[in-house]
Amino acid sequence: MDFIIKKDINGSLISIAEELLETAERCNAVSAVIMNKQISRIELLSYPFPSLRESFLNALIHADYAVPSNIKLIFL
């Protein structure tokens, strides 16, 4: 599998969470919808930010740190 971004993130849980969210924000595809007869457009993210934040925090909080493991994020 070819990776767009592949990185190891280390540090405190807070710094890991922050870097995960920053990386996810860069990878989160944006599409735009232009409504009929309007100049403005509505931008839609592939994954809503609150959902990303919740899933990352759940993964970090509920991880079993007694067992070494990796977390892999794949954006489709």
Protein backbone atom coordinates (compact mmCIF):
# COMPACT_ATOMS: atom_id res chain seq x y z
CA MET A 1 0.00 0.00 0.00
CA ASP A 2 1.34 3.44 -0.89
CA PHE A 3 1.13 6.01 1.86
CA ILE A 4 0.50 9.72 1.37
CA ILE A 5 1.70 10.37 4.90
CA LYS A 6 3.48 7.84 7.07
CA LYS A 7 4.87 8.98 10.39
CA ASP A 8 5.68 7.78 13.86
CA ILE A 9 4.18 9.96 16.56
CA ASN A 10 5.76 9.91 20.01
CA GLY A 11 5.42 11.95 23.16
CA SER A 12 2.80 12.56 25.80
CA LEU A 13 -0.79 11.48 25.17
CA ILE A 14 -1.80 15.11 24.71
CA SER A 15 0.92 15.82 22.13
CA ILE A 16 0.08 12.56 20.32
CA ALA A 17 -3.62 13.50 20.22
CA GLU A 18 -2.80 16.97 18.88
CA GLU A 19 -0.52 15.63 16.16
CA LEU A 20 -3.07 12.96 15.19
CA LEU A 21 -5.74 15.61 14.75
CA GLU A 22 -3.42 17.88 12.73
CA THR A 23 -2.44 15.00 10.45
CA ALA A 24 -6.06 13.90 10.05
CA GLU A 25 -7.07 17.43 9.16
CA ARG A 26 -4.51 17.45 6.31
CA CYS A 27 -5.74 14.08 5.01
CA ASN A 28 -9.46 14.79 5.33
CA ALA A 29 -10.76 15.35 1.80
CA VAL A 30 -12.95 18.39 1.16
CA SER A 31 -15.69 18.52 -1.44
CA ALA A 32 -17.73 21.56 -2.39
CA VAL A 33 -21.38 21.91 -3.27
CA ILE A 34 -22.63 24.97 -5.13
CA MET A 35 -26.29 25.60 -4.56
CA ASN A 36 -28.48 26.73 -7.47
CA LYS A 37 -28.34 30.46 -8.19
CA GLN A 38 -25.96 31.20 -5.32
CA ILE A 39 -22.45 32.58 -5.44
CA SER A 40 -21.30 30.84 -2.28
CA ARG A 41 -20.47 27.19 -1.88
CA ILE A 42 -20.70 24.75 0.99
CA GLU A 43 -17.57 22.77 1.81
CA LEU A 44 -18.05 19.27 3.16
CA LEU A 45 -15.37 17.20 4.87
CA SER A 46 -15.21 13.47 4.24
CA TYR A 47 -15.09 12.92 8.00
CA PRO A 48 -16.61 15.47 10.41
CA PHE A 49 -13.96 16.83 12.78
CA PRO A 50 -15.90 16.00 15.99
CA SER A 51 -16.13 12.36 14.86
CA LEU A 52 -12.39 12.20 14.16
CA ARG A 53 -11.57 13.74 17.52
CA GLU A 54 -13.86 11.32 19.37
CA SER A 55 -12.46 8.24 17.63
CA PHE A 56 -8.83 9.27 18.23
CA LEU A 57 -9.40 10.11 21.88
CA ASN A 58 -11.26 6.82 22.42
CA ALA A 59 -8.37 4.91 20.82
CA LEU A 60 -5.84 6.65 23.06
CA ILE A 61 -7.87 6.49 26.27
CA HIS A 62 -8.96 2.86 25.95
CA ALA A 63 -5.63 1.49 24.68
CA ASP A 64 -3.96 -1.28 26.67
CA TYR A 65 -0.56 0.26 27.30
CA ALA A 66 0.72 -3.00 28.84
CA VAL A 67 0.79 -4.46 25.31
CA PRO A 68 2.97 -2.67 22.72
CA SER A 69 0.97 -1.90 19.60
CA ASN A 70 0.63 0.56 16.74
CA ILE A 71 -2.34 2.61 15.60
CA LYS A 72 -2.83 2.86 11.85
CA LEU A 73 -5.05 5.52 10.28
CA ILE A 74 -6.31 5.02 6.75
CA PHE A 75 -8.33 7.70 4.97
CA LEU A 76 -10.29 6.49 1.95
